[in-house]
All heavy atoms as atom14 arrays in JSON, in Angstrom:
{
  "sequence": "TVASSLGLFSTAGVEDYCASKFGAVGFHESLSHELKAAEKDGIKTTLV",
  "atom14_mask": [
    [1, 1, 1, 1, 1, 1, 1, 0, 0, 0, 0, 0, 0, 0],
    [1, 1, 1, 1, 1, 1, 1, 0, 0, 0, 0, 0, 0, 0],
    [1, 1, 1, 1, 1, 0, 0, 0, 0, 0, 0, 0, 0, 0],
    [1, 1, 1, 1, 1, 1, 0, 0, 0, 0, 0, 0, 0, 0],
    [1, 1, 1, 1, 1, 1, 0, 0, 0, 0, 0, 0, 0, 0],
    [1, 1, 1, 1, 1, 1, 1, 1, 0, 0, 0, 0, 0, 0],
    [1, 1, 1, 1, 0, 0, 0, 0, 0, 0, 0, 0, 0, 0],
    [1, 1, 1, 1, 1, 1, 1, 1, 0, 0, 0, 0, 0, 0],
    [1, 1, 1, 1, 1, 1, 1, 1, 1, 1, 1, 0, 0, 0],
    [1, 1, 1, 1, 1, 1, 0, 0, 0, 0, 0, 0, 0, 0],
    [1, 1, 1, 1, 1, 1, 1, 0, 0, 0, 0, 0, 0, 0],
    [1, 1, 1, 1, 1, 0, 0, 0, 0, 0, 0, 0, 0, 0],
    [1, 1, 1, 1, 0, 0, 0, 0, 0, 0, 0, 0, 0, 0],
    [1, 1, 1, 1, 1, 1, 1, 0, 0, 0, 0, 0, 0, 0],
    [1, 1, 1, 1, 1, 1, 1, 1, 1, 0, 0, 0, 0, 0],
    [1, 1, 1, 1, 1, 1, 1, 1, 0, 0, 0, 0, 0, 0],
    [1, 1, 1, 1, 1, 1, 1, 1, 1, 1, 1, 1, 0, 0],
    [1, 1, 1, 1, 1, 1, 0, 0, 0, 0, 0, 0, 0, 0],
    [1, 1, 1, 1, 1, 0, 0, 0, 0, 0, 0, 0, 0, 0],
    [1, 1, 1, 1, 1, 1, 0, 0, 0, 0, 0, 0, 0, 0],
    [1, 1, 1, 1, 1, 1, 1, 1, 1, 0, 0, 0, 0, 0],
    [1, 1, 1, 1, 1, 1, 1, 1, 1, 1, 1, 0, 0, 0],
    [1, 1, 1, 1, 0, 0, 0, 0, 0, 0, 0, 0, 0, 0],
    [1, 1, 1, 1, 1, 0, 0, 0, 0, 0, 0, 0, 0, 0],
    [1, 1, 1, 1, 1, 1, 1, 0, 0, 0, 0, 0, 0, 0],
    [1, 1, 1, 1, 0, 0, 0, 0, 0, 0, 0, 0, 0, 0],
    [1, 1, 1, 1, 1, 1, 1, 1, 1, 1, 1, 0, 0, 0],
    [1, 1, 1, 1, 1, 1, 1, 1, 1, 1, 0, 0, 0, 0],
    [1, 1, 1, 1, 1, 1, 1, 1, 1, 0, 0, 0, 0, 0],
    [1, 1, 1, 1, 1, 1, 0, 0, 0, 0, 0, 0, 0, 0],
    [1, 1, 1, 1, 1, 1, 1, 1, 0, 0, 0, 0, 0, 0],
    [1, 1, 1, 1, 1, 1, 0, 0, 0, 0, 0, 0, 0, 0],
    [1, 1, 1, 1, 1, 1, 1, 1, 1, 1, 0, 0, 0, 0],
    [1, 1, 1, 1, 1, 1, 1, 1, 1, 0, 0, 0, 0, 0],
    [1, 1, 1, 1, 1, 1, 1, 1, 0, 0, 0, 0, 0, 0],
    [1, 1, 1, 1, 1, 1, 1, 1, 1, 0, 0, 0, 0, 0],
    [1, 1, 1, 1, 1, 0, 0, 0, 0, 0, 0, 0, 0, 0],
    [1, 1, 1, 1, 1, 0, 0, 0, 0, 0, 0, 0, 0, 0],
    [1, 1, 1, 1, 1, 1, 1, 1, 1, 0, 0, 0, 0, 0],
    [1, 1, 1, 1, 1, 1, 1, 1, 1, 0, 0, 0, 0, 0],
    [1, 1, 1, 1, 1, 1, 1, 1, 0, 0, 0, 0, 0, 0],
    [1, 1, 1, 1, 0, 0, 0, 0, 0, 0, 0, 0, 0, 0],
    [1, 1, 1, 1, 1, 1, 1, 1, 0, 0, 0, 0, 0, 0],
    [1, 1, 1, 1, 1, 1, 1, 1, 1, 0, 0, 0, 0, 0],
    [1, 1, 1, 1, 1, 1, 1, 0, 0, 0, 0, 0, 0, 0],
    [1, 1, 1, 1, 1, 1, 1, 0, 0, 0, 0, 0, 0, 0],
    [1, 1, 1, 1, 1, 1, 1, 1, 0, 0, 0, 0, 0, 0],
    [1, 1, 1, 1, 1, 1, 1, 0, 0, 0, 0, 0, 0, 0]
  ],
  "atom14_positions": [
    [[113.22, 70.98, 81.5], [113.41, 70.49, 80.2], [112.11, 70.39, 79.52], [111.38, 69.48, 79.95], [114.31, 69.2, 80.06], [115.56, 69.49, 80.64], [114.39, 68.78, 78.6], [0.0, 0.0, 0.0], [0.0, 0.0, 0.0], [0.0, 0.0, 0.0], [0.0, 0.0, 0.0], [0.0, 0.0, 0.0], [0.0, 0.0, 0.0], [0.0, 0.0, 0.0]],
    [[111.65, 71.24, 78.61], [110.41, 71.09, 77.91], [110.6, 70.18, 76.63], [111.2, 70.53, 75.6], [109.8, 72.41, 77.44], [108.5, 72.31, 76.75], [109.69, 73.38, 78.71], [0.0, 0.0, 0.0], [0.0, 0.0, 0.0], [0.0, 0.0, 0.0], [0.0, 0.0, 0.0], [0.0, 0.0, 0.0], [0.0, 0.0, 0.0], [0.0, 0.0, 0.0]],
    [[110.33, 68.91, 76.75], [110.59, 67.96, 75.7], [109.26, 67.81, 75.01], [108.78, 68.83, 74.49], [111.1, 66.64, 76.3], [0.0, 0.0, 0.0], [0.0, 0.0, 0.0], [0.0, 0.0, 0.0], [0.0, 0.0, 0.0], [0.0, 0.0, 0.0], [0.0, 0.0, 0.0], [0.0, 0.0, 0.0], [0.0, 0.0, 0.0], [0.0, 0.0, 0.0]],
    [[108.66, 66.61, 74.9], [107.57, 66.24, 74.08], [107.14, 64.89, 74.4], [108.0, 64.05, 74.75], [107.76, 66.5, 72.7], [106.83, 66.04, 71.82], [0.0, 0.0, 0.0], [0.0, 0.0, 0.0], [0.0, 0.0, 0.0], [0.0, 0.0, 0.0], [0.0, 0.0, 0.0], [0.0, 0.0, 0.0], [0.0, 0.0, 0.0], [0.0, 0.0, 0.0]],
    [[105.93, 64.48, 74.14], [105.41, 63.09, 74.17], [106.2, 62.3, 73.13], [106.47, 61.15, 73.31], [104.04, 63.08, 73.97], [103.66, 63.52, 72.73], [0.0, 0.0, 0.0], [0.0, 0.0, 0.0], [0.0, 0.0, 0.0], [0.0, 0.0, 0.0], [0.0, 0.0, 0.0], [0.0, 0.0, 0.0], [0.0, 0.0, 0.0], [0.0, 0.0, 0.0]],
    [[106.63, 62.97, 72.13], [107.56, 62.35, 71.12], [109.01, 62.13, 71.42], [109.78, 61.74, 70.72], [107.54, 63.13, 69.71], [106.22, 63.13, 68.99], [106.1, 63.93, 67.87], [105.7, 61.66, 68.81], [0.0, 0.0, 0.0], [0.0, 0.0, 0.0], [0.0, 0.0, 0.0], [0.0, 0.0, 0.0], [0.0, 0.0, 0.0], [0.0, 0.0, 0.0]],
    [[109.3, 62.46, 72.71], [110.53, 62.18, 73.4], [110.55, 60.91, 74.12], [111.46, 60.36, 74.66], [0.0, 0.0, 0.0], [0.0, 0.0, 0.0], [0.0, 0.0, 0.0], [0.0, 0.0, 0.0], [0.0, 0.0, 0.0], [0.0, 0.0, 0.0], [0.0, 0.0, 0.0], [0.0, 0.0, 0.0], [0.0, 0.0, 0.0], [0.0, 0.0, 0.0]],
    [[109.26, 60.44, 74.37], [108.95, 59.24, 75.09], [108.5, 58.02, 74.16], [108.77, 56.83, 74.4], [107.91, 59.44, 76.02], [108.18, 60.51, 77.13], [106.96, 60.76, 77.98], [109.33, 60.25, 77.95], [0.0, 0.0, 0.0], [0.0, 0.0, 0.0], [0.0, 0.0, 0.0], [0.0, 0.0, 0.0], [0.0, 0.0, 0.0], [0.0, 0.0, 0.0]],
    [[107.84, 58.39, 73.06], [107.42, 57.32, 72.03], [107.39, 58.18, 70.74], [107.29, 59.32, 70.69], [106.1, 56.84, 72.27], [105.02, 57.7, 72.71], [104.26, 58.35, 71.72], [104.61, 58.07, 74.01], [103.37, 59.17, 71.92], [103.64, 58.9, 74.28], [102.93, 59.45, 73.26], [0.0, 0.0, 0.0], [0.0, 0.0, 0.0], [0.0, 0.0, 0.0]],
    [[107.59, 57.42, 69.59], [107.77, 58.1, 68.31], [106.62, 57.82, 67.43], [105.73, 57.06, 67.75], [109.14, 57.56, 67.69], [109.08, 56.13, 67.59], [0.0, 0.0, 0.0], [0.0, 0.0, 0.0], [0.0, 0.0, 0.0], [0.0, 0.0, 0.0], [0.0, 0.0, 0.0], [0.0, 0.0, 0.0], [0.0, 0.0, 0.0], [0.0, 0.0, 0.0]],
    [[106.7, 58.5, 66.24], [105.67, 58.23, 65.19], [106.48, 58.38, 63.93], [107.57, 58.85, 63.8], [104.55, 59.2, 65.25], [103.55, 58.91, 64.29], [105.02, 60.55, 65.03], [0.0, 0.0, 0.0], [0.0, 0.0, 0.0], [0.0, 0.0, 0.0], [0.0, 0.0, 0.0], [0.0, 0.0, 0.0], [0.0, 0.0, 0.0], [0.0, 0.0, 0.0]],
    [[105.83, 57.99, 62.83], [106.44, 58.05, 61.39], [106.56, 59.54, 60.89], [105.75, 60.33, 61.17], [105.8, 57.19, 60.47], [0.0, 0.0, 0.0], [0.0, 0.0, 0.0], [0.0, 0.0, 0.0], [0.0, 0.0, 0.0], [0.0, 0.0, 0.0], [0.0, 0.0, 0.0], [0.0, 0.0, 0.0], [0.0, 0.0, 0.0], [0.0, 0.0, 0.0]],
    [[107.67, 59.77, 60.07], [107.86, 60.85, 59.26], [108.51, 62.21, 59.93], [108.8, 63.04, 59.43], [0.0, 0.0, 0.0], [0.0, 0.0, 0.0], [0.0, 0.0, 0.0], [0.0, 0.0, 0.0], [0.0, 0.0, 0.0], [0.0, 0.0, 0.0], [0.0, 0.0, 0.0], [0.0, 0.0, 0.0], [0.0, 0.0, 0.0], [0.0, 0.0, 0.0]],
    [[108.76, 62.02, 61.24], [109.5, 63.15, 61.95], [110.65, 62.58, 62.71], [110.87, 62.8, 63.99], [108.46, 63.88, 62.89], [107.65, 64.87, 62.09], [107.64, 62.92, 63.76], [0.0, 0.0, 0.0], [0.0, 0.0, 0.0], [0.0, 0.0, 0.0], [0.0, 0.0, 0.0], [0.0, 0.0, 0.0], [0.0, 0.0, 0.0], [0.0, 0.0, 0.0]],
    [[111.48, 61.87, 62.0], [112.64, 61.17, 62.59], [113.59, 62.12, 63.29], [114.08, 61.8, 64.43], [113.33, 60.41, 61.53], [112.63, 59.22, 61.05], [111.77, 59.51, 59.89], [111.54, 60.67, 59.52], [111.26, 58.5, 59.22], [0.0, 0.0, 0.0], [0.0, 0.0, 0.0], [0.0, 0.0, 0.0], [0.0, 0.0, 0.0], [0.0, 0.0, 0.0]],
    [[113.87, 63.24, 62.68], [114.78, 64.22, 63.22], [114.2, 64.8, 64.46], [114.95, 65.0, 65.52], [115.12, 65.33, 62.3], [113.86, 66.03, 61.74], [112.88, 65.5, 61.76], [114.07, 67.29, 61.34], [0.0, 0.0, 0.0], [0.0, 0.0, 0.0], [0.0, 0.0, 0.0], [0.0, 0.0, 0.0], [0.0, 0.0, 0.0], [0.0, 0.0, 0.0]],
    [[112.91, 65.12, 64.6], [112.21, 65.72, 65.69], [112.23, 64.82, 66.91], [112.55, 65.02, 68.02], [110.85, 66.13, 65.4], [110.14, 66.95, 66.44], [110.43, 68.31, 66.72], [109.28, 66.32, 67.31], [109.78, 69.02, 67.73], [108.66, 67.01, 68.4], [108.81, 68.34, 68.55], [108.23, 69.01, 69.59], [0.0, 0.0, 0.0], [0.0, 0.0, 0.0]],
    [[111.75, 63.61, 66.54], [111.86, 62.51, 67.63], [113.17, 62.14, 68.28], [113.33, 62.16, 69.4], [111.25, 61.13, 67.13], [109.42, 61.32, 66.73], [0.0, 0.0, 0.0], [0.0, 0.0, 0.0], [0.0, 0.0, 0.0], [0.0, 0.0, 0.0], [0.0, 0.0, 0.0], [0.0, 0.0, 0.0], [0.0, 0.0, 0.0], [0.0, 0.0, 0.0]],
    [[114.15, 62.15, 67.32], [115.52, 61.88, 67.83], [116.01, 62.93, 68.73], [116.58, 62.79, 69.82], [116.51, 61.76, 66.59], [0.0, 0.0, 0.0], [0.0, 0.0, 0.0], [0.0, 0.0, 0.0], [0.0, 0.0, 0.0], [0.0, 0.0, 0.0], [0.0, 0.0, 0.0], [0.0, 0.0, 0.0], [0.0, 0.0, 0.0], [0.0, 0.0, 0.0]],
    [[115.67, 64.28, 68.31], [116.07, 65.37, 69.06], [115.32, 65.33, 70.52], [116.01, 65.72, 71.52], [115.89, 66.73, 68.42], [114.38, 67.05, 68.28], [0.0, 0.0, 0.0], [0.0, 0.0, 0.0], [0.0, 0.0, 0.0], [0.0, 0.0, 0.0], [0.0, 0.0, 0.0], [0.0, 0.0, 0.0], [0.0, 0.0, 0.0], [0.0, 0.0, 0.0]],
    [[114.19, 65.08, 70.53], [113.3, 65.0, 71.78], [113.83, 63.82, 72.66], [113.79, 63.94, 73.9], [111.94, 65.05, 71.57], [111.31, 66.41, 70.93], [111.66, 67.47, 71.87], [111.11, 68.87, 71.38], [111.41, 69.88, 72.32], [0.0, 0.0, 0.0], [0.0, 0.0, 0.0], [0.0, 0.0, 0.0], [0.0, 0.0, 0.0], [0.0, 0.0, 0.0]],
    [[114.05, 62.67, 72.04], [114.55, 61.55, 72.78], [115.85, 62.01, 73.4], [116.26, 61.57, 74.56], [114.74, 60.35, 71.89], [113.6, 59.46, 71.96], [112.4, 59.74, 71.21], [113.58, 58.17, 72.54], [111.39, 58.9, 71.2], [112.56, 57.27, 72.54], [111.37, 57.69, 71.85], [0.0, 0.0, 0.0], [0.0, 0.0, 0.0], [0.0, 0.0, 0.0]],
    [[116.7, 62.69, 72.56], [117.96, 63.16, 73.14], [117.86, 64.08, 74.38], [118.65, 64.06, 75.36], [0.0, 0.0, 0.0], [0.0, 0.0, 0.0], [0.0, 0.0, 0.0], [0.0, 0.0, 0.0], [0.0, 0.0, 0.0], [0.0, 0.0, 0.0], [0.0, 0.0, 0.0], [0.0, 0.0, 0.0], [0.0, 0.0, 0.0], [0.0, 0.0, 0.0]],
    [[116.86, 65.03, 74.29], [116.65, 65.95, 75.39], [116.16, 65.21, 76.62], [116.64, 65.52, 77.74], [115.52, 66.89, 74.98], [0.0, 0.0, 0.0], [0.0, 0.0, 0.0], [0.0, 0.0, 0.0], [0.0, 0.0, 0.0], [0.0, 0.0, 0.0], [0.0, 0.0, 0.0], [0.0, 0.0, 0.0], [0.0, 0.0, 0.0], [0.0, 0.0, 0.0]],
    [[115.38, 64.15, 76.49], [114.85, 63.4, 77.69], [116.03, 62.68, 78.21], [116.17, 62.66, 79.42], [113.71, 62.44, 77.16], [113.48, 61.51, 78.27], [112.47, 63.16, 76.79], [0.0, 0.0, 0.0], [0.0, 0.0, 0.0], [0.0, 0.0, 0.0], [0.0, 0.0, 0.0], [0.0, 0.0, 0.0], [0.0, 0.0, 0.0], [0.0, 0.0, 0.0]],
    [[116.88, 62.04, 77.27], [118.05, 61.38, 77.85], [119.0, 62.2, 78.55], [119.55, 61.88, 79.57], [0.0, 0.0, 0.0], [0.0, 0.0, 0.0], [0.0, 0.0, 0.0], [0.0, 0.0, 0.0], [0.0, 0.0, 0.0], [0.0, 0.0, 0.0], [0.0, 0.0, 0.0], [0.0, 0.0, 0.0], [0.0, 0.0, 0.0], [0.0, 0.0, 0.0]],
    [[119.26, 63.51, 78.01], [120.06, 64.37, 78.69], [119.54, 64.74, 80.05], [120.32, 64.85, 81.0], [120.28, 65.63, 77.75], [120.75, 66.79, 78.5], [122.18, 66.91, 78.66], [119.88, 67.81, 79.03], [122.7, 68.14, 79.29], [120.47, 68.89, 79.72], [121.77, 69.03, 79.85], [0.0, 0.0, 0.0], [0.0, 0.0, 0.0], [0.0, 0.0, 0.0]],
    [[118.24, 65.05, 80.09], [117.65, 65.45, 81.23], [117.76, 64.39, 82.42], [118.07, 64.65, 83.54], [116.17, 65.88, 81.11], [115.46, 66.29, 82.29], [115.34, 67.63, 82.65], [114.72, 65.61, 83.3], [114.62, 67.68, 83.74], [114.33, 66.45, 84.2], [0.0, 0.0, 0.0], [0.0, 0.0, 0.0], [0.0, 0.0, 0.0], [0.0, 0.0, 0.0]],
    [[117.42, 63.08, 82.01], [117.45, 62.05, 82.97], [118.82, 61.74, 83.54], [119.04, 61.63, 84.75], [116.86, 60.75, 82.31], [115.39, 60.83, 82.08], [114.86, 59.47, 81.57], [115.58, 58.65, 81.26], [113.54, 59.37, 81.36], [0.0, 0.0, 0.0], [0.0, 0.0, 0.0], [0.0, 0.0, 0.0], [0.0, 0.0, 0.0], [0.0, 0.0, 0.0]],
    [[119.79, 61.8, 82.63], [121.24, 61.63, 83.02], [121.67, 62.76, 83.95], [122.33, 62.49, 85.01], [122.1, 61.6, 81.78], [123.41, 61.33, 82.18], [0.0, 0.0, 0.0], [0.0, 0.0, 0.0], [0.0, 0.0, 0.0], [0.0, 0.0, 0.0], [0.0, 0.0, 0.0], [0.0, 0.0, 0.0], [0.0, 0.0, 0.0], [0.0, 0.0, 0.0]],
    [[121.27, 63.93, 83.59], [121.77, 65.2, 84.45], [121.02, 65.03, 85.8], [121.69, 65.35, 86.89], [121.25, 66.46, 83.71], [121.46, 67.71, 84.6], [122.96, 67.94, 84.87], [120.87, 68.92, 83.91], [0.0, 0.0, 0.0], [0.0, 0.0, 0.0], [0.0, 0.0, 0.0], [0.0, 0.0, 0.0], [0.0, 0.0, 0.0], [0.0, 0.0, 0.0]],
    [[119.74, 64.57, 85.82], [119.06, 64.41, 87.19], [119.83, 63.44, 88.01], [119.96, 63.61, 89.2], [117.63, 63.92, 86.84], [116.99, 64.93, 86.19], [0.0, 0.0, 0.0], [0.0, 0.0, 0.0], [0.0, 0.0, 0.0], [0.0, 0.0, 0.0], [0.0, 0.0, 0.0], [0.0, 0.0, 0.0], [0.0, 0.0, 0.0], [0.0, 0.0, 0.0]],
    [[120.23, 62.33, 87.33], [120.88, 61.18, 88.23], [122.32, 61.88, 88.67], [122.8, 61.54, 89.81], [121.25, 59.96, 87.35], [120.0, 59.16, 87.15], [119.26, 58.66, 88.15], [119.28, 58.76, 85.96], [118.21, 57.85, 87.63], [118.21, 58.05, 86.41], [0.0, 0.0, 0.0], [0.0, 0.0, 0.0], [0.0, 0.0, 0.0], [0.0, 0.0, 0.0]],
    [[122.96, 62.62, 87.86], [124.22, 63.17, 88.17], [124.09, 64.03, 89.42], [124.99, 63.99, 90.36], [124.8, 63.96, 87.05], [126.21, 64.51, 87.32], [126.9, 65.11, 86.17], [126.61, 64.75, 85.04], [127.88, 65.91, 86.36], [0.0, 0.0, 0.0], [0.0, 0.0, 0.0], [0.0, 0.0, 0.0], [0.0, 0.0, 0.0], [0.0, 0.0, 0.0]],
    [[123.01, 64.92, 89.46], [122.75, 65.79, 90.6], [122.55, 65.06, 91.82], [122.96, 65.33, 92.86], [121.64, 66.76, 90.2], [122.1, 67.79, 89.14], [120.75, 68.55, 88.73], [123.1, 68.81, 89.56], [0.0, 0.0, 0.0], [0.0, 0.0, 0.0], [0.0, 0.0, 0.0], [0.0, 0.0, 0.0], [0.0, 0.0, 0.0], [0.0, 0.0, 0.0]],
    [[121.73, 63.94, 91.67], [121.44, 63.06, 92.88], [122.72, 62.35, 93.35], [122.79, 62.42, 94.57], [120.36, 62.0, 92.38], [118.96, 62.48, 92.01], [118.3, 63.06, 93.25], [116.92, 63.4, 93.05], [116.2, 64.08, 94.27], [0.0, 0.0, 0.0], [0.0, 0.0, 0.0], [0.0, 0.0, 0.0], [0.0, 0.0, 0.0], [0.0, 0.0, 0.0]],
    [[123.41, 61.91, 92.44], [124.81, 61.21, 92.86], [125.68, 62.21, 93.63], [126.44, 61.82, 94.56], [125.48, 60.66, 91.63], [0.0, 0.0, 0.0], [0.0, 0.0, 0.0], [0.0, 0.0, 0.0], [0.0, 0.0, 0.0], [0.0, 0.0, 0.0], [0.0, 0.0, 0.0], [0.0, 0.0, 0.0], [0.0, 0.0, 0.0], [0.0, 0.0, 0.0]],
    [[125.66, 63.51, 93.18], [126.44, 64.55, 93.78], [125.78, 65.07, 95.16], [126.44, 65.81, 95.75], [126.78, 65.58, 92.85], [0.0, 0.0, 0.0], [0.0, 0.0, 0.0], [0.0, 0.0, 0.0], [0.0, 0.0, 0.0], [0.0, 0.0, 0.0], [0.0, 0.0, 0.0], [0.0, 0.0, 0.0], [0.0, 0.0, 0.0], [0.0, 0.0, 0.0]],
    [[124.62, 64.47, 95.34], [123.92, 64.88, 96.63], [123.6, 66.45, 96.61], [123.64, 67.08, 97.65], [124.64, 64.52, 97.89], [124.77, 62.98, 98.06], [125.39, 62.55, 99.33], [125.9, 63.5, 99.96], [125.48, 61.39, 99.62], [0.0, 0.0, 0.0], [0.0, 0.0, 0.0], [0.0, 0.0, 0.0], [0.0, 0.0, 0.0], [0.0, 0.0, 0.0]],
    [[123.33, 66.92, 95.39], [123.0, 68.38, 95.32], [121.46, 68.44, 95.34], [120.77, 68.71, 94.35], [123.52, 69.01, 94.0], [124.96, 69.02, 93.97], [125.58, 70.09, 95.01], [127.02, 70.27, 94.91], [127.52, 71.16, 95.9], [0.0, 0.0, 0.0], [0.0, 0.0, 0.0], [0.0, 0.0, 0.0], [0.0, 0.0, 0.0], [0.0, 0.0, 0.0]],
    [[120.87, 68.17, 96.53], [119.41, 68.08, 96.69], [118.62, 69.45, 96.56], [117.37, 69.59, 96.57], [119.09, 67.55, 98.11], [119.7, 68.18, 99.25], [120.58, 69.03, 98.96], [119.3, 67.94, 100.39], [0.0, 0.0, 0.0], [0.0, 0.0, 0.0], [0.0, 0.0, 0.0], [0.0, 0.0, 0.0], [0.0, 0.0, 0.0], [0.0, 0.0, 0.0]],
    [[119.51, 70.53, 96.55], [118.89, 71.9, 96.43], [118.58, 72.24, 94.94], [117.97, 73.33, 94.69], [0.0, 0.0, 0.0], [0.0, 0.0, 0.0], [0.0, 0.0, 0.0], [0.0, 0.0, 0.0], [0.0, 0.0, 0.0], [0.0, 0.0, 0.0], [0.0, 0.0, 0.0], [0.0, 0.0, 0.0], [0.0, 0.0, 0.0], [0.0, 0.0, 0.0]],
    [[119.11, 71.5, 93.96], [118.87, 71.81, 92.62], [117.87, 70.76, 92.11], [117.98, 69.53, 92.14], [120.2, 71.58, 91.81], [121.31, 72.35, 92.34], [119.91, 71.91, 90.25], [122.6, 72.33, 91.63], [0.0, 0.0, 0.0], [0.0, 0.0, 0.0], [0.0, 0.0, 0.0], [0.0, 0.0, 0.0], [0.0, 0.0, 0.0], [0.0, 0.0, 0.0]],
    [[116.68, 71.3, 91.77], [115.58, 70.36, 91.26], [115.67, 70.31, 89.75], [116.12, 71.15, 88.98], [114.24, 70.98, 91.78], [114.21, 71.34, 93.22], [114.42, 70.09, 94.1], [114.43, 70.38, 95.6], [114.74, 69.3, 96.42], [0.0, 0.0, 0.0], [0.0, 0.0, 0.0], [0.0, 0.0, 0.0], [0.0, 0.0, 0.0], [0.0, 0.0, 0.0]],
    [[114.9, 69.18, 89.25], [114.81, 69.09, 87.8], [113.35, 68.69, 87.6], [112.73, 67.98, 88.13], [115.72, 68.0, 87.26], [115.51, 66.74, 87.84], [117.16, 68.43, 87.41], [0.0, 0.0, 0.0], [0.0, 0.0, 0.0], [0.0, 0.0, 0.0], [0.0, 0.0, 0.0], [0.0, 0.0, 0.0], [0.0, 0.0, 0.0], [0.0, 0.0, 0.0]],
    [[112.83, 69.18, 86.43], [111.5, 68.93, 86.01], [111.41, 68.71, 84.52], [111.94, 69.51, 83.68], [110.44, 70.01, 86.35], [110.38, 70.15, 87.71], [109.01, 69.58, 85.85], [0.0, 0.0, 0.0], [0.0, 0.0, 0.0], [0.0, 0.0, 0.0], [0.0, 0.0, 0.0], [0.0, 0.0, 0.0], [0.0, 0.0, 0.0], [0.0, 0.0, 0.0]],
    [[111.0, 67.44, 84.09], [110.79, 67.05, 82.74], [109.31, 67.32, 82.13], [108.54, 66.79, 82.82], [111.32, 65.7, 82.48], [111.13, 65.04, 81.02], [111.99, 65.88, 80.1], [111.48, 63.66, 80.97], [0.0, 0.0, 0.0], [0.0, 0.0, 0.0], [0.0, 0.0, 0.0], [0.0, 0.0, 0.0], [0.0, 0.0, 0.0], [0.0, 0.0, 0.0]],
    [[109.11, 68.08, 81.14], [107.82, 68.41, 80.72], [107.56, 67.69, 79.36], [108.3, 68.12, 78.47], [107.58, 69.91, 80.65], [106.15, 70.24, 80.15], [107.88, 70.62, 81.96], [0.0, 0.0, 0.0], [0.0, 0.0, 0.0], [0.0, 0.0, 0.0], [0.0, 0.0, 0.0], [0.0, 0.0, 0.0], [0.0, 0.0, 0.0], [0.0, 0.0, 0.0]]
  ]
}
């Protein structure tokens, strides 16, 4: 998942962009936890 530093902290004037990147980061983290919970250790995830 190629997100952005604006998916970890925000700045003024780009609310839609920050919201979308925060959403991408949240999606990626939740998916990573789901794969771990399913013990699918052969599927790797990387957040950029």
